[in-house]
């Protein structure tokens, strides 16, 4: 099959395969893909010209069909690989079925996936909703699955650009304006710290301020016993910081100099920037960027078994990664080729 040849090739133009995802993936060699990202068809919401998943009579059959494909994804993923799954939910008889979590739990319990994150994709604006007895739906989930505790993850590639510390009148001021003066005063006036603890706290504060000056950290917060509330929990059994506060009388929260990692709520408008008239999935390119940057190495391969019009492939190509897309619709394959702009490798699999 052309997959083996593509894996060995250094060219990054995508490989697009027309065929049934399950049958195509069975032809892949094991442990050959670095990360997978996909957005399967919604269940029971649209009738696709080429048939396929999403047209089952029962949502449990839909989930079972997806599980067969995800088993193959697990087989073809490298042990260090990640699988990002965006999937929408569906109402039936006025009941929200909970399809994303039904599916995720079965993936964990039956296939041994480890769920690292549930990202909330806030679409900011929703479609027309005439319901008068429920809230409007404007979010979907994006699950991040892995196979083992240690996996490829490049956090620095997705950090936000941090503000820089400055020096004003000889005083080091952090990115958010922390100079340490208030903390020094709190240490001096504290009735909760012993004399030894005050001395140690002052020494450690000077070290942290020097780290800010030298660019080792960009910002910090100091938690002092009796002055600030402990973060997370004040029980030593469940919080190492609470234990540190009890023993030392203080601890520091230090911010990475390269910026912060994105949180698990993403505000991304599902704009149709390609002005497509034949494909209605709202799957935007911005939804793919963080997963690909963070979990696919520069020389890695991205897989999308429900590529649609090639959003994942286009993003992977723009980010310098190789990619393999599979879709049952030859029409979508043609649209994907047009979006990517460079002639793509193409194979039709009769399944």
Protein backbone atom coordinates (compact mmCIF):
# COMPACT_ATOMS: atom_id res chain seq x y z
CA UNK A 1 0.00 0.00 0.00
CA UNK A 2 1.06 3.57 -0.62
CA UNK A 3 1.07 4.31 3.15
CA UNK A 4 4.42 2.56 3.69
CA UNK A 5 5.96 4.49 0.80
CA UNK A 6 4.56 7.76 2.13
CA UNK A 7 5.98 7.14 5.61
CA UNK A 8 9.45 6.63 4.11
CA UNK A 9 9.17 9.71 1.86
CA UNK A 10 10.50 13.04 3.13
CA UNK A 11 7.93 15.16 1.26
CA UNK A 12 5.29 16.71 3.53
CA UNK A 13 2.45 17.05 1.04
CA UNK A 14 -0.55 15.16 2.43
CA UNK A 15 -1.61 11.68 1.47
CA UNK A 16 -5.36 11.62 0.85
CA UNK A 17 -7.12 8.26 0.75
CA UNK A 18 -10.68 7.76 -0.47
CA UNK A 19 -12.35 4.82 1.22
CA UNK A 20 -14.06 3.50 4.33
CA UNK A 21 -11.97 4.55 7.36
CA UNK A 22 -12.17 1.20 9.14
CA UNK A 23 -11.08 -0.81 6.13
CA UNK A 24 -8.35 1.67 5.19
CA UNK A 25 -6.86 1.77 8.70
CA UNK A 26 -6.67 -2.02 8.81
CA UNK A 27 -4.13 -1.76 5.98
CA UNK A 28 -1.81 0.53 7.98
CA UNK A 29 1.28 -0.94 9.65
CA UNK A 30 1.26 -0.71 13.47
CA UNK A 31 2.96 2.12 15.39
CA UNK A 32 3.43 4.37 12.36
CA UNK A 33 1.42 7.51 13.26
CA UNK A 34 2.53 10.24 15.69
CA UNK A 35 -0.84 11.82 16.38
CA UNK A 36 -4.44 11.59 15.20
CA UNK A 37 -7.04 14.30 15.23
CA UNK A 38 -10.54 14.06 13.86
CA UNK A 39 -14.14 15.22 14.01
CA UNK A 40 -16.50 12.36 13.06
CA UNK A 41 -19.88 13.06 11.47
CA UNK A 42 -22.64 14.00 13.91
CA UNK A 43 -25.04 11.19 14.64
CA UNK A 44 -28.48 11.53 13.08
CA UNK A 45 -28.14 15.17 12.05
CA UNK A 46 -27.16 15.04 8.39
CA UNK A 47 -27.42 12.61 5.53
CA UNK A 48 -24.10 12.38 3.73
CA UNK A 49 -24.05 11.54 0.04
CA UNK A 50 -21.57 8.70 0.46
CA UNK A 51 -23.25 7.11 3.45
CA UNK A 52 -20.95 6.04 6.26
CA UNK A 53 -20.93 6.64 9.99
CA UNK A 54 -23.63 8.85 11.50
CA UNK A 55 -26.61 7.27 9.77
CA UNK A 56 -27.19 4.43 12.27
CA UNK A 57 -30.71 3.95 13.65
CA UNK A 58 -29.47 4.00 17.24
CA UNK A 59 -26.84 6.15 18.94
CA UNK A 60 -25.33 3.07 20.62
CA UNK A 61 -24.66 1.60 17.17
CA UNK A 62 -23.03 4.89 16.20
CA UNK A 63 -20.74 4.71 19.23
CA UNK A 64 -19.90 1.06 18.56
CA UNK A 65 -19.00 1.88 14.95
CA UNK A 66 -16.66 4.62 16.11
CA UNK A 67 -15.05 2.31 18.67
CA UNK A 68 -14.05 -0.09 15.91
CA UNK A 69 -12.22 2.73 14.14
CA UNK A 70 -10.65 4.05 17.33
CA UNK A 71 -9.31 0.58 18.07
CA UNK A 72 -7.46 0.76 14.76
CA UNK A 73 -6.22 4.25 15.55
CA UNK A 74 -4.79 2.92 18.82
CA UNK A 75 -3.05 0.17 16.87
CA UNK A 76 -1.46 2.47 14.30
CA UNK A 77 -0.44 5.16 16.81
CA UNK A 78 3.06 5.09 18.19
CA UNK A 79 3.16 4.45 21.97
CA UNK A 80 4.14 8.11 22.42
CA UNK A 81 1.24 9.28 20.24
CA UNK A 82 -1.89 11.28 21.01
CA UNK A 83 -5.46 11.15 19.74
CA UNK A 84 -7.58 14.32 19.76
CA UNK A 85 -11.30 13.73 19.26
CA UNK A 86 -13.86 16.47 18.59
CA UNK A 87 -17.39 15.14 18.71
CA UNK A 88 -20.78 16.79 18.95
CA UNK A 89 -23.83 15.73 20.93
CA UNK A 90 -27.41 15.11 19.81
CA UNK A 91 -30.93 15.51 21.25
CA UNK A 92 -33.52 12.78 20.91
CA UNK A 93 -37.02 13.10 22.38
CA UNK A 94 -35.90 16.30 24.14
CA UNK A 95 -33.03 14.47 25.87
CA UNK A 96 -29.41 15.39 25.33
CA UNK A 97 -27.87 11.94 24.84
CA UNK A 98 -24.37 12.63 26.17
CA UNK A 99 -22.74 10.92 23.20
CA UNK A 100 -19.25 12.41 23.72
CA UNK A 101 -18.94 11.10 27.26
CA UNK A 102 -20.64 7.78 26.53
CA UNK A 103 -17.99 7.28 23.86
CA UNK A 104 -15.09 8.53 26.00
CA UNK A 105 -15.95 6.25 28.92
CA UNK A 106 -16.11 3.21 26.66
CA UNK A 107 -12.76 4.16 25.12
CA UNK A 108 -11.25 4.29 28.61
CA UNK A 109 -12.93 1.18 30.00
CA UNK A 110 -12.88 -1.08 26.95
CA UNK A 111 -9.84 0.03 24.96
CA UNK A 112 -7.48 1.31 27.65
CA UNK A 113 -7.16 4.91 26.49
CA UNK A 114 -5.98 7.50 29.02
CA UNK A 115 -7.93 10.77 28.92
CA UNK A 116 -5.61 13.73 29.56
CA UNK A 117 -7.91 16.66 28.83
CA UNK A 118 -11.49 17.55 28.05
CA UNK A 119 -11.30 20.83 26.15
CA UNK A 120 -14.44 22.93 25.91
CA UNK A 121 -14.69 24.46 22.44
CA UNK A 122 -16.79 27.59 22.91
CA UNK A 123 -18.06 28.42 19.44
CA UNK A 124 -18.99 31.90 20.75
CA UNK A 125 -22.03 32.04 18.50
CA UNK A 126 -24.52 29.27 17.80
CA UNK A 127 -26.91 28.45 15.01
CA UNK A 128 -30.60 29.26 15.03
CA UNK A 129 -32.32 27.67 18.01
CA UNK A 130 -36.07 28.11 18.42
CA UNK A 131 -36.29 26.25 21.73
CA UNK A 132 -38.08 28.13 24.50
CA UNK A 133 -37.47 25.62 27.31
CA UNK A 134 -33.66 25.22 27.33
CA UNK A 135 -30.47 27.20 26.94
CA UNK A 136 -28.79 27.60 23.58
CA UNK A 137 -25.96 25.17 22.75
CA UNK A 138 -22.71 26.86 21.74
CA UNK A 139 -20.02 24.38 22.76
CA UNK A 140 -18.54 21.03 21.83
CA UNK A 141 -15.82 18.96 23.46
CA UNK A 142 -12.34 18.05 22.28
CA UNK A 143 -10.87 15.04 24.08
CA UNK A 144 -7.13 14.40 24.30
CA UNK A 145 -6.35 10.69 24.64
CA UNK A 146 -3.00 8.93 25.04
CA UNK A 147 -1.92 5.31 25.48
CA UNK A 148 0.66 5.56 28.25
CA UNK A 149 1.71 7.94 31.07
CA UNK A 150 4.72 9.23 29.11
CA UNK A 151 4.01 10.58 25.64
CA UNK A 152 5.26 13.27 23.29
CA UNK A 153 4.18 16.75 24.39
CA UNK A 154 5.93 19.99 23.44
CA UNK A 155 4.47 22.51 25.87
CA UNK A 156 6.84 25.29 24.82
CA UNK A 157 5.42 25.28 21.29
CA UNK A 158 1.99 26.42 22.52
CA UNK A 159 2.88 28.84 25.32
CA UNK A 160 1.59 32.39 25.15
CA UNK A 161 4.11 35.21 24.76
CA UNK A 162 4.81 36.48 28.29
CA UNK A 163 5.27 40.04 29.41
CA UNK A 164 8.79 40.90 30.52
CA UNK A 165 10.01 42.01 33.94
CA UNK A 166 11.39 45.52 34.20
CA UNK A 167 13.74 47.41 36.51
CA UNK A 168 12.38 50.72 37.81
CA UNK A 169 14.40 52.96 40.14
CA UNK A 170 16.66 50.00 40.89
CA UNK A 171 13.75 47.77 41.86
CA UNK A 172 12.92 44.58 39.97
CA UNK A 173 9.25 44.51 38.94
CA UNK A 174 7.71 41.32 37.55
CA UNK A 175 5.56 41.06 34.43
CA UNK A 176 2.41 41.82 36.43
CA UNK A 177 3.94 44.52 38.62
CA UNK A 178 5.14 42.48 41.60
CA UNK A 179 8.20 44.13 43.16
CA UNK A 180 8.43 42.16 46.39
CA UNK A 181 8.10 45.25 48.57
CA UNK A 182 4.70 44.22 49.91
CA UNK A 183 5.93 40.71 50.65
CA UNK A 184 8.97 42.07 52.49
CA UNK A 185 6.71 44.22 54.64
CA UNK A 186 4.38 41.29 55.36
CA UNK A 187 7.32 39.14 56.44
CA UNK A 188 8.60 41.84 58.80
CA UNK A 189 5.21 42.43 60.42
CA UNK A 190 4.09 38.79 60.54
CA UNK A 191 2.96 37.39 63.87
CA UNK A 192 2.63 33.89 62.41
CA UNK A 193 6.28 33.41 61.45
CA UNK A 194 9.11 32.71 63.85
CA UNK A 195 12.27 34.79 63.64
CA UNK A 196 14.02 31.94 61.82
CA UNK A 197 11.14 31.58 59.36
CA UNK A 198 11.21 35.34 58.69
CA UNK A 199 14.92 35.16 57.94
CA UNK A 200 14.50 32.20 55.59
CA UNK A 201 11.52 33.83 53.87
CA UNK A 202 13.48 37.04 53.25
CA UNK A 203 16.43 35.10 51.82
CA UNK A 204 14.22 33.05 49.49
CA UNK A 205 12.33 36.17 48.36
CA UNK A 206 15.62 37.81 47.32
CA UNK A 207 16.55 34.67 45.35
CA UNK A 208 13.20 34.74 43.52
CA UNK A 209 13.58 38.44 42.71
CA UNK A 210 17.04 37.68 41.29
CA UNK A 211 15.50 34.93 39.12
CA UNK A 212 13.00 37.49 37.80
CA UNK A 213 15.86 39.91 37.10
CA UNK A 214 17.84 37.23 35.28
CA UNK A 215 14.85 36.08 33.20
CA UNK A 216 14.74 32.61 34.78
CA UNK A 217 11.10 33.24 35.72
CA UNK A 218 8.75 35.96 34.42
CA UNK A 219 6.52 36.36 37.44
CA UNK A 220 5.69 34.96 40.87
CA UNK A 221 3.38 35.06 43.85
CA UNK A 222 4.41 34.49 47.46
CA UNK A 223 2.08 32.77 49.91
CA UNK A 224 2.91 33.61 53.53
CA UNK A 225 1.34 31.90 56.51
CA UNK A 226 -1.33 34.13 58.04
CA UNK A 227 -1.23 36.60 55.13
CA UNK A 228 -2.52 34.93 51.96
CA UNK A 229 -4.94 32.07 51.50
CA UNK A 230 -3.32 28.78 50.55
CA UNK A 231 -3.98 27.72 46.96
CA UNK A 232 -5.99 24.55 46.20
CA UNK A 233 -6.28 23.22 49.77
CA UNK A 234 -5.04 23.92 53.30
CA UNK A 235 -4.96 20.23 54.21
CA UNK A 236 -1.46 18.76 54.28
CA UNK A 237 -2.68 15.29 53.30
CA UNK A 238 -3.95 16.45 49.92
CA UNK A 239 -1.68 19.44 49.21
CA UNK A 240 2.10 19.54 49.16
CA UNK A 241 1.90 23.33 49.22
CA UNK A 242 -0.17 23.28 52.40
CA UNK A 243 2.46 21.04 53.96
CA UNK A 244 5.21 23.42 52.83
CA UNK A 245 3.29 26.37 54.29
CA UNK A 246 2.99 24.60 57.64
CA UNK A 247 6.66 23.58 57.80
CA UNK A 248 8.38 26.63 56.28
CA UNK A 249 5.78 29.33 56.72
CA UNK A 250 5.77 30.31 53.04
CA UNK A 251 5.98 29.07 49.46
CA UNK A 252 6.20 30.54 45.96
CA UNK A 253 4.14 30.18 42.80
CA UNK A 254 6.55 30.72 39.90
CA UNK A 255 5.53 31.48 36.32
CA UNK A 256 7.36 30.00 33.35
CA UNK A 257 9.53 32.56 31.48
CA UNK A 258 8.24 31.38 28.10
CA UNK A 259 4.62 32.08 28.95
CA UNK A 260 1.64 30.05 30.11
CA UNK A 261 0.12 26.92 28.61
CA UNK A 262 -3.38 27.35 27.12
CA UNK A 263 -6.25 26.44 29.39
CA UNK A 264 -9.01 23.94 28.58
CA UNK A 265 -11.63 26.40 27.30
CA UNK A 266 -11.01 27.64 23.74
CA UNK A 267 -13.03 30.45 22.19
CA UNK A 268 -13.00 29.69 18.47
CA UNK A 269 -15.65 30.89 16.04
CA UNK A 270 -16.54 28.16 13.49
CA UNK A 271 -16.26 30.54 10.57
CA UNK A 272 -16.40 29.09 7.08
CA UNK A 273 -13.27 30.90 5.89
CA UNK A 274 -13.07 28.78 2.76
CA UNK A 275 -16.61 29.83 1.67
CA UNK A 276 -17.43 26.19 1.03
CA UNK A 277 -20.88 25.38 -0.33
CA UNK A 278 -20.77 21.59 -0.20
CA UNK A 279 -19.57 20.75 3.31
CA UNK A 280 -21.28 21.98 6.45
CA UNK A 281 -19.05 20.85 9.31
CA UNK A 282 -17.98 23.84 11.46
CA UNK A 283 -14.59 22.27 12.23
CA UNK A 284 -12.18 25.26 12.15
CA UNK A 285 -8.43 25.30 11.49
CA UNK A 286 -7.71 26.98 14.85
CA UNK A 287 -9.05 23.90 16.63
CA UNK A 288 -6.21 21.83 15.11
CA UNK A 289 -3.24 24.11 15.70
CA UNK A 290 -2.59 23.56 19.40
CA UNK A 291 -3.01 19.75 19.24
CA UNK A 292 -0.68 19.42 16.24
CA UNK A 293 1.99 21.77 17.63
CA UNK A 294 1.91 20.16 21.07
CA UNK A 295 1.66 16.46 20.25
CA UNK A 296 3.12 15.92 16.78
CA UNK A 297 6.91 16.29 16.44
CA UNK A 298 8.25 18.31 13.55
CA UNK A 299 9.06 15.18 11.54
CA UNK A 300 5.89 13.36 12.62
CA UNK A 301 2.75 12.25 10.79
CA UNK A 302 -0.80 13.44 11.48
CA UNK A 303 -3.79 11.17 10.80
CA UNK A 304 -7.41 12.19 10.29
CA UNK A 305 -9.74 9.23 9.54
CA UNK A 306 -12.71 11.57 8.88
CA UNK A 307 -10.88 14.30 7.03
CA UNK A 308 -13.90 15.87 5.33
CA UNK A 309 -12.55 18.75 3.28
CA UNK A 310 -9.08 18.44 4.75
CA UNK A 311 -8.92 20.94 7.62
CA UNK A 312 -6.49 18.83 9.66
CA UNK A 313 -4.36 18.09 6.60
CA UNK A 314 -4.16 21.74 5.61
CA UNK A 315 -3.09 22.82 9.11
CA UNK A 316 -0.53 20.01 9.36
CA UNK A 317 0.90 21.00 5.96
CA UNK A 318 1.13 24.68 6.96
CA UNK A 319 2.91 23.67 10.18
CA UNK A 320 5.42 21.54 8.29
CA UNK A 321 4.05 18.12 9.26
CA UNK A 322 3.23 15.16 7.05
CA UNK A 323 -0.36 13.96 7.19
CA UNK A 324 -2.69 11.21 6.03
CA UNK A 325 -6.37 11.92 5.54
CA UNK A 326 -9.13 9.38 4.90
CA UNK A 327 -12.66 10.07 3.75
CA UNK A 328 -15.37 8.03 2.10
CA UNK A 329 -16.38 10.93 -0.16
CA UNK A 330 -14.39 11.50 -3.36
CA UNK A 331 -16.06 14.92 -3.58
CA UNK A 332 -14.55 15.98 -0.24
CA UNK A 333 -11.16 14.64 -1.33
CA UNK A 334 -11.25 16.95 -4.36
CA UNK A 335 -12.17 19.94 -2.18
CA UNK A 336 -9.32 19.09 0.19
CA UNK A 337 -6.84 19.04 -2.68
CA UNK A 338 -8.01 22.48 -3.76
CA UNK A 339 -7.68 23.87 -0.23
CA UNK A 340 -4.17 22.57 0.30
CA UNK A 341 -3.06 24.13 -2.96
CA UNK A 342 -0.20 21.74 -3.74
CA UNK A 343 -0.84 18.49 -5.61
CA UNK A 344 -1.44 15.82 -2.98
CA UNK A 345 -0.78 12.12 -3.11
CA UNK A 346 -4.08 10.32 -3.70
CA UNK A 347 -5.22 6.74 -3.49
CA UNK A 348 -8.66 5.19 -3.79
CA UNK A 349 -9.31 2.11 -1.65
CA UNK A 350 -12.22 -0.06 -2.66
CA UNK A 351 -13.67 -1.35 0.56
